């Protein structure tokens, strides 16, 4: 289970755990797919992070530079994936190399 900051959540992600407000009131249950309305509600009620299915606790998506959008990062990583087709993408070093390559492409505009 990986905690993702509210600003890095995107529509379509699936909750791995219930989301509660500061008082403990349930806002959205585990297994729900996020919509833009959910994200608005989370911000309204002061939710800082949510546990997202498929993301490890130290996943790279929780540590993005402020000027990088998560959806853009995922698109660029997908475009770069063929360059990594012969390596084990389950290995954390290879995952980090792909993330760094995508960040560099986004930040420096390399094509």
PDB file of N, CA and C in Angstrom:
ATOM      1  N   UNK A   1       0.849  -1.163   0.000  1.00  0.00           N
ATOM      2  CA  UNK A   1       0.000   0.000   0.000  1.00  0.00           C
ATOM      3  C   UNK A   1       0.892   1.222   0.000  1.00  0.00           C
ATOM      4  N   UNK A   2       0.598   2.149  -0.897  1.00  0.00           N
ATOM      5  CA  UNK A   2       1.412   3.344  -1.019  1.00  0.00           C
ATOM      6  C   UNK A   2       0.591   4.597  -0.806  1.00  0.00           C
ATOM      7  N   UNK A   3       1.100   5.468   0.042  1.00  0.00           N
ATOM      8  CA  UNK A   3       0.425   6.740   0.305  1.00  0.00           C
ATOM      9  C   UNK A   3       0.855   7.759  -0.752  1.00  0.00           C
ATOM     10  N   UNK A   4      -0.128   8.339  -1.394  1.00  0.00           N
ATOM     11  CA  UNK A   4       0.122   9.304  -2.462  1.00  0.00           C
ATOM     12  C   UNK A   4      -0.443  10.660  -2.022  1.00  0.00           C
ATOM     13  N   UNK A   5       0.363  11.720  -2.105  1.00  0.00           N
ATOM     14  CA  UNK A   5      -0.139  13.055  -1.745  1.00  0.00           C
ATOM     15  C   UNK A   5      -1.332  13.442  -2.616  1.00  0.00           C
ATOM     16  N   UNK A   6      -2.233  14.214  -2.052  1.00  0.00           N
ATOM     17  CA  UNK A   6      -3.460  14.609  -2.739  1.00  0.00           C
ATOM     18  C   UNK A   6      -3.185  15.251  -4.097  1.00  0.00           C
ATOM     19  N   UNK A   7      -2.118  16.035  -4.209  1.00  0.00           N
ATOM     20  CA  UNK A   7      -1.809  16.702  -5.474  1.00  0.00           C
ATOM     21  C   UNK A   7      -1.308  15.741  -6.548  1.00  0.00           C
ATOM     22  N   UNK A   8      -0.955  14.520  -6.175  1.00  0.00           N
ATOM     23  CA  UNK A   8      -0.492  13.531  -7.149  1.00  0.00           C
ATOM     24  C   UNK A   8      -1.556  12.495  -7.488  1.00  0.00           C
ATOM     25  N   UNK A   9      -2.729  12.599  -6.872  1.00  0.00           N
ATOM     26  CA  UNK A   9      -3.818  11.679  -7.198  1.00  0.00           C
ATOM     27  C   UNK A   9      -4.423  12.064  -8.539  1.00  0.00           C
ATOM     28  N   UNK A  10      -4.788  11.049  -9.315  1.00  0.00           N
ATOM     29  CA  UNK A  10      -5.441  11.316 -10.593  1.00  0.00           C
ATOM     30  C   UNK A  10      -6.698  10.465 -10.711  1.00  0.00           C
ATOM     31  N   UNK A  11      -7.629  10.974 -11.482  1.00  0.00           N
ATOM     32  CA  UNK A  11      -8.884  10.269 -11.730  1.00  0.00           C
ATOM     33  C   UNK A  11      -8.578   8.883 -12.287  1.00  0.00           C
ATOM     34  N   UNK A  12      -9.262   7.876 -11.756  1.00  0.00           N
ATOM     35  CA  UNK A  12      -9.078   6.507 -12.219  1.00  0.00           C
ATOM     36  C   UNK A  12      -8.250   5.646 -11.280  1.00  0.00           C
ATOM     37  N   UNK A  13      -7.486   6.267 -10.384  1.00  0.00           N
ATOM     38  CA  UNK A  13      -6.735   5.480  -9.402  1.00  0.00           C
ATOM     39  C   UNK A  13      -7.726   4.785  -8.473  1.00  0.00           C
ATOM     40  N   UNK A  14      -7.297   3.660  -7.901  1.00  0.00           N
ATOM     41  CA  UNK A  14      -8.170   2.875  -7.028  1.00  0.00           C
ATOM     42  C   UNK A  14      -7.628   2.907  -5.607  1.00  0.00           C
ATOM     43  N   UNK A  15      -8.526   3.188  -4.663  1.00  0.00           N
ATOM     44  CA  UNK A  15      -8.121   3.258  -3.256  1.00  0.00           C
ATOM     45  C   UNK A  15      -7.785   1.880  -2.710  1.00  0.00           C
ATOM     46  N   UNK A  16      -6.711   1.829  -1.951  1.00  0.00           N
ATOM     47  CA  UNK A  16      -6.289   0.594  -1.296  1.00  0.00           C
ATOM     48  C   UNK A  16      -6.790   0.546   0.144  1.00  0.00           C
ATOM     49  N   UNK A  17      -7.220   1.675   0.666  1.00  0.00           N
ATOM     50  CA  UNK A  17      -7.738   1.763   2.032  1.00  0.00           C
ATOM     51  C   UNK A  17      -8.778   2.876   2.090  1.00  0.00           C
ATOM     52  N   UNK A  18      -9.621   2.829   3.108  1.00  0.00           N
ATOM     53  CA  UNK A  18     -10.620   3.871   3.298  1.00  0.00           C
ATOM     54  C   UNK A  18      -9.955   5.239   3.432  1.00  0.00           C
ATOM     55  N   UNK A  19     -10.655   6.270   2.954  1.00  0.00           N
ATOM     56  CA  UNK A  19     -10.194   7.649   3.142  1.00  0.00           C
ATOM     57  C   UNK A  19     -11.125   8.285   4.169  1.00  0.00           C
ATOM     58  N   UNK A  20     -10.514   8.854   5.201  1.00  0.00           N
ATOM     59  CA  UNK A  20     -11.275   9.489   6.278  1.00  0.00           C
ATOM     60  C   UNK A  20     -10.829  10.935   6.445  1.00  0.00           C
ATOM     61  N   UNK A  21     -11.749  11.761   6.916  1.00  0.00           N
ATOM     62  CA  UNK A  21     -11.373  13.150   7.183  1.00  0.00           C
ATOM     63  C   UNK A  21     -10.616  13.230   8.508  1.00  0.00           C
ATOM     64  N   UNK A  22     -10.292  14.431   8.940  1.00  0.00           N
ATOM     65  CA  UNK A  22      -9.480  14.623  10.154  1.00  0.00           C
ATOM     66  C   UNK A  22     -10.152  14.107  11.417  1.00  0.00           C
ATOM     67  N   UNK A  23     -11.476  14.035  11.406  1.00  0.00           N
ATOM     68  CA  UNK A  23     -12.197  13.554  12.584  1.00  0.00           C
ATOM     69  C   UNK A  23     -12.445  12.050  12.539  1.00  0.00           C
ATOM     70  N   UNK A  24     -12.050  11.416  11.448  1.00  0.00           N
ATOM     71  CA  UNK A  24     -12.239   9.980  11.311  1.00  0.00           C
ATOM     72  C   UNK A  24     -13.479   9.574  10.544  1.00  0.00           C
ATOM     73  N   UNK A  25     -14.229  10.542  10.059  1.00  0.00           N
ATOM     74  CA  UNK A  25     -15.436  10.240   9.281  1.00  0.00           C
ATOM     75  C   UNK A  25     -15.051   9.663   7.923  1.00  0.00           C
ATOM     76  N   UNK A  26     -15.706   8.580   7.540  1.00  0.00           N
ATOM     77  CA  UNK A  26     -15.442   7.923   6.256  1.00  0.00           C
ATOM     78  C   UNK A  26     -15.896   8.813   5.107  1.00  0.00           C
ATOM     79  N   UNK A  27     -14.966   9.098   4.189  1.00  0.00           N
ATOM     80  CA  UNK A  27     -15.294   9.874   2.998  1.00  0.00           C
ATOM     81  C   UNK A  27     -15.486   8.976   1.782  1.00  0.00           C
ATOM     82  N   UNK A  28     -14.639   7.945   1.670  1.00  0.00           N
ATOM     83  CA  UNK A  28     -14.725   7.029   0.535  1.00  0.00           C
ATOM     84  C   UNK A  28     -14.080   5.703   0.923  1.00  0.00           C
ATOM     85  N   UNK A  29     -14.733   4.621   0.579  1.00  0.00           N
ATOM     86  CA  UNK A  29     -14.269   3.305   0.980  1.00  0.00           C
ATOM     87  C   UNK A  29     -13.198   2.708   0.082  1.00  0.00           C
ATOM     88  N   UNK A  30     -12.489   1.770   0.655  1.00  0.00           N
ATOM     89  CA  UNK A  30     -11.451   1.031  -0.066  1.00  0.00           C
ATOM     90  C   UNK A  30     -12.026   0.379  -1.313  1.00  0.00           C
ATOM     91  N   UNK A  31     -11.245   0.381  -2.386  1.00  0.00           N
ATOM     92  CA  UNK A  31     -11.669  -0.243  -3.636  1.00  0.00           C
ATOM     93  C   UNK A  31     -12.374   0.696  -4.597  1.00  0.00           C
ATOM     94  N   UNK A  32     -12.678   1.912  -4.143  1.00  0.00           N
ATOM     95  CA  UNK A  32     -13.369   2.869  -5.002  1.00  0.00           C
ATOM     96  C   UNK A  32     -12.403   3.467  -6.022  1.00  0.00           C
ATOM     97  N   UNK A  33     -12.911   3.695  -7.220  1.00  0.00           N
ATOM     98  CA  UNK A  33     -12.127   4.354  -8.266  1.00  0.00           C
ATOM     99  C   UNK A  33     -12.352   5.859  -8.153  1.00  0.00           C
ATOM    100  N   UNK A  34     -11.250   6.613  -8.108  1.00  0.00           N
ATOM    101  CA  UNK A  34     -11.340   8.053  -7.894  1.00  0.00           C
ATOM    102  C   UNK A  34     -11.927   8.792  -9.087  1.00  0.00           C
ATOM    103  N   UNK A  35     -12.762   9.772  -8.775  1.00  0.00           N
ATOM    104  CA  UNK A  35     -13.311  10.681  -9.781  1.00  0.00           C
ATOM    105  C   UNK A  35     -12.866  12.095  -9.405  1.00  0.00           C
ATOM    106  N   UNK A  36     -13.109  13.062 -10.280  1.00  0.00           N
ATOM    107  CA  UNK A  36     -12.747  14.441  -9.965  1.00  0.00           C
ATOM    108  C   UNK A  36     -13.546  14.955  -8.767  1.00  0.00           C
ATOM    109  N   UNK A  37     -14.772  14.476  -8.617  1.00  0.00           N
ATOM    110  CA  UNK A  37     -15.593  14.870  -7.469  1.00  0.00           C
ATOM    111  C   UNK A  37     -14.964  14.385  -6.166  1.00  0.00           C
ATOM    112  N   UNK A  38     -14.439  13.163  -6.166  1.00  0.00           N
ATOM    113  CA  UNK A  38     -13.770  12.643  -4.972  1.00  0.00           C
ATOM    114  C   UNK A  38     -12.573  13.505  -4.598  1.00  0.00           C
ATOM    115  N   UNK A  39     -11.760  13.875  -5.593  1.00  0.00           N
ATOM    116  CA  UNK A  39     -10.577  14.693  -5.330  1.00  0.00           C
ATOM    117  C   UNK A  39     -10.970  16.049  -4.745  1.00  0.00           C
ATOM    118  N   UNK A  40     -12.050  16.618  -5.248  1.00  0.00           N
ATOM    119  CA  UNK A  40     -12.548  17.889  -4.715  1.00  0.00           C
ATOM    120  C   UNK A  40     -12.979  17.719  -3.250  1.00  0.00           C
ATOM    121  N   UNK A  41     -13.685  16.650  -2.964  1.00  0.00           N
ATOM    122  CA  UNK A  41     -14.138  16.374  -1.593  1.00  0.00           C
ATOM    123  C   UNK A  41     -12.942  16.172  -0.664  1.00  0.00           C
ATOM    124  N   UNK A  42     -11.938  15.448  -1.116  1.00  0.00           N
ATOM    125  CA  UNK A  42     -10.748  15.236  -0.292  1.00  0.00           C
ATOM    126  C   UNK A  42     -10.100  16.566   0.080  1.00  0.00           C
ATOM    127  N   UNK A  43      -9.966  17.445  -0.897  1.00  0.00           N
ATOM    128  CA  UNK A  43      -9.354  18.754  -0.628  1.00  0.00           C
ATOM    129  C   UNK A  43     -10.223  19.565   0.341  1.00  0.00           C
ATOM    130  N   UNK A  44     -11.537  19.507   0.141  1.00  0.00           N
ATOM    131  CA  UNK A  44     -12.463  20.242   0.989  1.00  0.00           C
ATOM    132  C   UNK A  44     -12.358  19.811   2.447  1.00  0.00           C
ATOM    133  N   UNK A  45     -12.188  18.512   2.676  1.00  0.00           N
ATOM    134  CA  UNK A  45     -12.159  17.978   4.031  1.00  0.00           C
ATOM    135  C   UNK A  45     -10.744  17.810   4.583  1.00  0.00           C
ATOM    136  N   UNK A  46      -9.743  18.344   3.894  1.00  0.00           N
ATOM    137  CA  UNK A  46      -8.389  18.371   4.438  1.00  0.00           C
ATOM    138  C   UNK A  46      -7.608  17.080   4.346  1.00  0.00           C
ATOM    139  N   UNK A  47      -7.995  16.204   3.444  1.00  0.00           N
ATOM    140  CA  UNK A  47      -7.245  14.960   3.259  1.00  0.00           C
ATOM    141  C   UNK A  47      -5.908  15.306   2.612  1.00  0.00           C
ATOM    142  N   UNK A  48      -4.817  14.827   3.182  1.00  0.00           N
ATOM    143  CA  UNK A  48      -3.477  15.114   2.675  1.00  0.00           C
ATOM    144  C   UNK A  48      -2.950  14.023   1.755  1.00  0.00           C
ATOM    145  N   UNK A  49      -3.291  12.748   2.063  1.00  0.00           N
ATOM    146  CA  UNK A  49      -2.779  11.603   1.303  1.00  0.00           C
ATOM    147  C   UNK A  49      -3.838  10.520   1.246  1.00  0.00           C
ATOM    148  N   UNK A  50      -3.695   9.639   0.266  1.00  0.00           N
ATOM    149  CA  UNK A  50      -4.579   8.485   0.160  1.00  0.00           C
ATOM    150  C   UNK A  50      -3.749   7.272  -0.228  1.00  0.00           C
ATOM    151  N   UNK A  51      -4.167   6.118   0.260  1.00  0.00           N
ATOM    152  CA  UNK A  51      -3.494   4.872  -0.069  1.00  0.00           C
ATOM    153  C   UNK A  51      -4.048   4.352  -1.396  1.00  0.00           C
ATOM    154  N   UNK A  52      -3.158   4.158  -2.362  1.00  0.00           N
ATOM    155  CA  UNK A  52      -3.560   3.766  -3.706  1.00  0.00           C
ATOM    156  C   UNK A  52      -3.082   2.354  -4.014  1.00  0.00           C
ATOM    157  N   UNK A  53      -3.971   1.545  -4.574  1.00  0.00           N
ATOM    158  CA  UNK A  53      -3.646   0.166  -4.937  1.00  0.00           C
ATOM    159  C   UNK A  53      -2.564   0.143  -6.007  1.00  0.00           C
ATOM    160  N   UNK A  54      -1.638  -0.796  -5.862  1.00  0.00           N
ATOM    161  CA  UNK A  54      -0.598  -0.990  -6.855  1.00  0.00           C
ATOM    162  C   UNK A  54       0.624  -0.114  -6.685  1.00  0.00           C
ATOM    163  N   UNK A  55       0.662   0.667  -5.622  1.00  0.00           N
ATOM    164  CA  UNK A  55       1.802   1.541  -5.376  1.00  0.00           C
ATOM    165  C   UNK A  55       2.475   1.095  -4.087  1.00  0.00           C
ATOM    166  N   UNK A  56       3.796   0.867  -4.168  1.00  0.00           N
ATOM    167  CA  UNK A  56       4.560   0.467  -2.998  1.00  0.00           C
ATOM    168  C   UNK A  56       4.706   1.646  -2.049  1.00  0.00           C
ATOM    169  N   UNK A  57       5.028   1.349  -0.794  1.00  0.00           N
ATOM    170  CA  UNK A  57       5.170   2.384   0.218  1.00  0.00           C
ATOM    171  C   UNK A  57       6.176   3.453  -0.146  1.00  0.00           C
ATOM    172  N   UNK A  58       7.265   3.095  -0.798  1.00  0.00           N
ATOM    173  CA  UNK A  58       8.283   4.067  -1.181  1.00  0.00           C
ATOM    174  C   UNK A  58       8.257   4.331  -2.669  1.00  0.00           C
ATOM    175  N   UNK A  59       7.107   4.207  -3.270  1.00  0.00           N
ATOM    176  CA  UNK A  59       6.991   4.346  -4.716  1.00  0.00           C
ATOM    177  C   UNK A  59       7.413   5.726  -5.179  1.00  0.00           C
ATOM    178  N   UNK A  60       7.963   5.784  -6.375  1.00  0.00           N
ATOM    179  CA  UNK A  60       8.448   7.031  -6.933  1.00  0.00           C
ATOM    180  C   UNK A  60       7.352   8.060  -7.139  1.00  0.00           C
ATOM    181  N   UNK A  61       6.105   7.659  -7.256  1.00  0.00           N
ATOM    182  CA  UNK A  61       5.040   8.613  -7.508  1.00  0.00           C
ATOM    183  C   UNK A  61       4.771   9.501  -6.301  1.00  0.00           C
ATOM    184  N   UNK A  62       5.255   9.121  -5.140  1.00  0.00           N
ATOM    185  CA  UNK A  62       5.045   9.952  -3.965  1.00  0.00           C
ATOM    186  C   UNK A  62       6.118  11.026  -3.853  1.00  0.00           C
ATOM    187  N   UNK A  63       7.127  11.014  -4.720  1.00  0.00           N
ATOM    188  CA  UNK A  63       8.251  11.938  -4.628  1.00  0.00           C
ATOM    189  C   UNK A  63       8.478  12.646  -5.961  1.00  0.00           C
ATOM    190  N   UNK A  64       7.489  13.381  -6.420  1.00  0.00           N
ATOM    191  CA  UNK A  64       7.606  14.090  -7.693  1.00  0.00           C
ATOM    192  C   UNK A  64       7.960  15.551  -7.460  1.00  0.00           C
ATOM    193  N   UNK A  65       8.778  16.107  -8.351  1.00  0.00           N
ATOM    194  CA  UNK A  65       9.014  17.555  -8.285  1.00  0.00           C
ATOM    195  C   UNK A  65       7.693  18.298  -8.478  1.00  0.00           C
ATOM    196  N   UNK A  66       7.596  19.475  -7.923  1.00  0.00           N
ATOM    197  CA  UNK A  66       6.348  20.248  -7.980  1.00  0.00           C
ATOM    198  C   UNK A  66       5.892  20.558  -9.394  1.00  0.00           C
ATOM    199  N   UNK A  67       6.830  20.733 -10.317  1.00  0.00           N
ATOM    200  CA  UNK A  67       6.461  21.125 -11.682  1.00  0.00           C
ATOM    201  C   UNK A  67       6.158  19.940 -12.597  1.00  0.00           C
ATOM    202  N   UNK A  68       6.088  18.725 -12.046  1.00  0.00           N
ATOM    203  CA  UNK A  68       5.825  17.530 -12.850  1.00  0.00           C
ATOM    204  C   UNK A  68       4.466  16.958 -12.474  1.00  0.00           C
ATOM    205  N   UNK A  69       3.633  16.786 -13.479  1.00  0.00           N
ATOM    206  CA  UNK A  69       2.308  16.208 -13.300  1.00  0.00           C
ATOM    207  C   UNK A  69       2.403  14.691 -13.396  1.00  0.00           C
ATOM    208  N   UNK A  70       1.758  13.992 -12.479  1.00  0.00           N
ATOM    209  CA  UNK A  70       1.820  12.530 -12.440  1.00  0.00           C
ATOM    210  C   UNK A  70       1.338  11.908 -13.747  1.00  0.00           C
ATOM    211  N   UNK A  71       0.250  12.410 -14.304  1.00  0.00           N
ATOM    212  CA  UNK A  71      -0.265  11.828 -15.539  1.00  0.00           C
ATOM    213  C   UNK A  71       0.731  11.998 -16.684  1.00  0.00           C
ATOM    214  N   UNK A  72       1.401  13.150 -16.723  1.00  0.00           N
ATOM    215  CA  UNK A  72       2.419  13.382 -17.758  1.00  0.00           C
ATOM    216  C   UNK A  72       3.593  12.423 -17.573  1.00  0.00           C
ATOM    217  N   UNK A  73       4.000  12.208 -16.321  1.00  0.00           N
ATOM    218  CA  UNK A  73       5.091  11.285 -16.033  1.00  0.00           C
ATOM    219  C   UNK A  73       4.746   9.874 -16.511  1.00  0.00           C
ATOM    220  N   UNK A  74       3.519   9.432 -16.250  1.00  0.00           N
ATOM    221  CA  UNK A  74       3.104   8.093 -16.665  1.00  0.00           C
ATOM    222  C   UNK A  74       3.104   7.957 -18.189  1.00  0.00           C
ATOM    223  N   UNK A  75       2.691   8.999 -18.893  1.00  0.00           N
ATOM    224  CA  UNK A  75       2.673   8.969 -20.362  1.00  0.00           C
ATOM    225  C   UNK A  75       4.102   8.869 -20.903  1.00  0.00           C
ATOM    226  N   UNK A  76       5.012   9.662 -20.354  1.00  0.00           N
ATOM    227  CA  UNK A  76       6.400   9.655 -20.817  1.00  0.00           C
ATOM    228  C   UNK A  76       7.069   8.325 -20.467  1.00  0.00           C
ATOM    229  N   UNK A  77       6.781   7.780 -19.278  1.00  0.00           N
ATOM    230  CA  UNK A  77       7.334   6.473 -18.922  1.00  0.00           C
ATOM    231  C   UNK A  77       6.873   5.397 -19.899  1.00  0.00           C
ATOM    232  N   UNK A  78       5.611   5.464 -20.291  1.00  0.00           N
ATOM    233  CA  UNK A  78       5.086   4.496 -21.260  1.00  0.00           C
ATOM    234  C   UNK A  78       5.799   4.635 -22.606  1.00  0.00           C
ATOM    235  N   UNK A  79       6.071   5.858 -23.010  1.00  0.00           N
ATOM    236  CA  UNK A  79       6.782   6.100 -24.269  1.00  0.00           C
ATOM    237  C   UNK A  79       8.219   5.579 -24.209  1.00  0.00           C
ATOM    238  N   UNK A  80       8.834   5.652 -23.031  1.00  0.00           N
ATOM    239  CA  UNK A  80      10.215   5.192 -22.867  1.00  0.00           C
ATOM    240  C   UNK A  80      10.311   3.685 -22.595  1.00  0.00           C
ATOM    241  N   UNK A  81       9.225   3.046 -22.262  1.00  0.00           N
ATOM    242  CA  UNK A  81       9.224   1.627 -21.880  1.00  0.00           C
ATOM    243  C   UNK A  81       9.928   0.709 -22.889  1.00  0.00           C
ATOM    244  N   UNK A  82       9.784   0.929 -24.204  1.00  0.00           N
ATOM    245  CA  UNK A  82      10.486   0.046 -25.147  1.00  0.00           C
ATOM    246  C   UNK A  82      12.010   0.045 -24.957  1.00  0.00           C
ATOM    247  N   UNK A  83      12.564   1.131 -24.454  1.00  0.00           N
ATOM    248  CA  UNK A  83      14.004   1.178 -24.203  1.00  0.00           C
ATOM    249  C   UNK A  83      14.414   0.283 -23.036  1.00  0.00           C
ATOM    250  N   UNK A  84      13.447  -0.111 -22.222  1.00  0.00           N
ATOM    251  CA  UNK A  84      13.703  -0.918 -21.034  1.00  0.00           C
ATOM    252  C   UNK A  84      13.128  -2.330 -21.174  1.00  0.00           C
ATOM    253  N   UNK A  85      12.783  -2.735 -22.390  1.00  0.00           N
ATOM    254  CA  UNK A  85      12.097  -4.014 -22.569  1.00  0.00           C
ATOM    255  C   UNK A  85      12.958  -5.225 -22.237  1.00  0.00           C
ATOM    256  N   UNK A  86      14.256  -5.097 -22.218  1.00  0.00           N
ATOM    257  CA  UNK A  86      15.131  -6.244 -21.953  1.00  0.00           C
ATOM    258  C   UNK A  86      15.629  -6.305 -20.505  1.00  0.00           C
ATOM    259  N   UNK A  87      15.069  -5.457 -19.645  1.00  0.00           N
ATOM    260  CA  UNK A  87      15.492  -5.464 -18.244  1.00  0.00           C
ATOM    261  C   UNK A  87      14.322  -5.835 -17.343  1.00  0.00           C
ATOM    262  N   UNK A  88      14.644  -6.276 -16.158  1.00  0.00           N
ATOM    263  CA  UNK A  88      13.635  -6.652 -15.168  1.00  0.00           C
ATOM    264  C   UNK A  88      13.073  -5.388 -14.526  1.00  0.00           C
ATOM    265  N   UNK A  89      11.870  -5.006 -14.909  1.00  0.00           N
ATOM    266  CA  UNK A  89      11.280  -3.781 -14.378  1.00  0.00           C
ATOM    267  C   UNK A  89      10.747  -3.947 -12.964  1.00  0.00           C
ATOM    268  N   UNK A  90      10.845  -5.149 -12.398  1.00  0.00           N
ATOM    269  CA  UNK A  90      10.484  -5.345 -10.999  1.00  0.00           C
ATOM    270  C   UNK A  90      11.644  -4.961 -10.082  1.00  0.00           C
ATOM    271  N   UNK A  91      12.827  -4.814 -10.651  1.00  0.00           N
ATOM    272  CA  UNK A  91      13.987  -4.429  -9.852  1.00  0.00           C
ATOM    273  C   UNK A  91      13.918  -2.927  -9.579  1.00  0.00           C
ATOM    274  N   UNK A  92      14.086  -2.522  -8.315  1.00  0.00           N
ATOM    275  CA  UNK A  92      13.936  -1.105  -7.973  1.00  0.00           C
ATOM    276  C   UNK A  92      14.907  -0.170  -8.702  1.00  0.00           C
ATOM    277  N   UNK A  93      16.092  -0.627  -9.016  1.00  0.00           N
ATOM    278  CA  UNK A  93      17.047   0.227  -9.727  1.00  0.00           C
ATOM    279  C   UNK A  93      16.543   0.521 -11.139  1.00  0.00           C
ATOM    280  N   UNK A  94      16.018  -0.478 -11.809  1.00  0.00           N
ATOM    281  CA  UNK A  94      15.508  -0.277 -13.166  1.00  0.00           C
ATOM    282  C   UNK A  94      14.278   0.629 -13.165  1.00  0.00           C
ATOM    283  N   UNK A  95      13.415   0.474 -12.163  1.00  0.00           N
ATOM    284  CA  UNK A  95      12.246   1.343 -12.045  1.00  0.00           C
ATOM    285  C   UNK A  95      12.686   2.796 -11.849  1.00  0.00           C
ATOM    286  N   UNK A  96      13.702   2.986 -11.014  1.00  0.00           N
ATOM    287  CA  UNK A  96      14.202   4.336 -10.753  1.00  0.00           C
ATOM    288  C   UNK A  96      14.859   4.931 -11.994  1.00  0.00           C
ATOM    289  N   UNK A  97      15.585   4.123 -12.761  1.00  0.00           N
ATOM    290  CA  UNK A  97      16.200   4.624 -13.997  1.00  0.00           C
ATOM    291  C   UNK A  97      15.139   5.091 -14.992  1.00  0.00           C
ATOM    292  N   UNK A  98      14.063   4.331 -15.116  1.00  0.00           N
ATOM    293  CA  UNK A  98      12.976   4.732 -16.005  1.00  0.00           C
ATOM    294  C   UNK A  98      12.341   6.027 -15.512  1.00  0.00           C
ATOM    295  N   UNK A  99      12.115   6.131 -14.215  1.00  0.00           N
ATOM    296  CA  UNK A  99      11.525   7.342 -13.641  1.00  0.00           C
ATOM    297  C   UNK A  99      12.424   8.556 -13.899  1.00  0.00           C
ATOM    298  N   UNK A 100      13.723   8.391 -13.673  1.00  0.00           N
ATOM    299  CA  UNK A 100      14.658   9.501 -13.887  1.00  0.00           C
ATOM    300  C   UNK A 100      14.732   9.906 -15.358  1.00  0.00           C
ATOM    301  N   UNK A 101      14.701   8.925 -16.251  1.00  0.00           N
ATOM    302  CA  UNK A 101      14.719   9.224 -17.684  1.00  0.00           C
ATOM    303  C   UNK A 101      13.463  10.008 -18.079  1.00  0.00           C
ATOM    304  N   UNK A 102      12.315   9.599 -17.538  1.00  0.00           N
ATOM    305  CA  UNK A 102      11.065  10.299 -17.844  1.00  0.00           C
ATOM    306  C   UNK A 102      11.079  11.717 -17.271  1.00  0.00           C
ATOM    307  N   UNK A 103      11.548  11.865 -16.034  1.00  0.00           N
ATOM    308  CA  UNK A 103      11.630  13.201 -15.436  1.00  0.00           C
ATOM    309  C   UNK A 103      12.547  14.118 -16.244  1.00  0.00           C
ATOM    310  N   UNK A 104      13.673  13.578 -16.679  1.00  0.00           N
ATOM    311  CA  UNK A 104      14.604  14.381 -17.478  1.00  0.00           C
ATOM    312  C   UNK A 104      13.956  14.827 -18.784  1.00  0.00           C
ATOM    313  N   UNK A 105      13.237  13.914 -19.415  1.00  0.00           N
ATOM    314  CA  UNK A 105      12.579  14.260 -20.677  1.00  0.00           C
ATOM    315  C   UNK A 105      11.533  15.344 -20.452  1.00  0.00           C
ATOM    316  N   UNK A 106      10.785  15.243 -19.360  1.00  0.00           N
ATOM    317  CA  UNK A 106       9.754  16.248 -19.075  1.00  0.00           C
ATOM    318  C   UNK A 106      10.390  17.594 -18.761  1.00  0.00           C
ATOM    319  N   UNK A 107      11.385  17.594 -17.902  1.00  0.00           N
ATOM    320  CA  UNK A 107      11.970  18.848 -17.435  1.00  0.00           C
ATOM    321  C   UNK A 107      12.866  19.536 -18.454  1.00  0.00           C
ATOM    322  N   UNK A 108      13.476  18.759 -19.340  1.00  0.00           N
ATOM    323  CA  UNK A 108      14.411  19.345 -20.300  1.00  0.00           C
ATOM    324  C   UNK A 108      13.876  19.330 -21.724  1.00  0.00           C
ATOM    325  N   UNK A 109      12.690  18.746 -21.922  1.00  0.00           N
ATOM    326  CA  UNK A 109      12.084  18.740 -23.235  1.00  0.00           C
ATOM    327  C   UNK A 109      12.813  17.889 -24.263  1.00  0.00           C
ATOM    328  N   UNK A 110      13.587  16.910 -23.810  1.00  0.00           N
ATOM    329  CA  UNK A 110      14.297  16.027 -24.744  1.00  0.00           C
ATOM    330  C   UNK A 110      13.302  15.122 -25.456  1.00  0.00           C
ATOM    331  N   UNK A 111      13.470  14.996 -26.726  1.00  0.00           N
ATOM    332  CA  UNK A 111      12.579  14.122 -27.507  1.00  0.00           C
ATOM    333  C   UNK A 111      13.262  12.836 -27.878  1.00  0.00           C
TER     334      UNK A 111
END
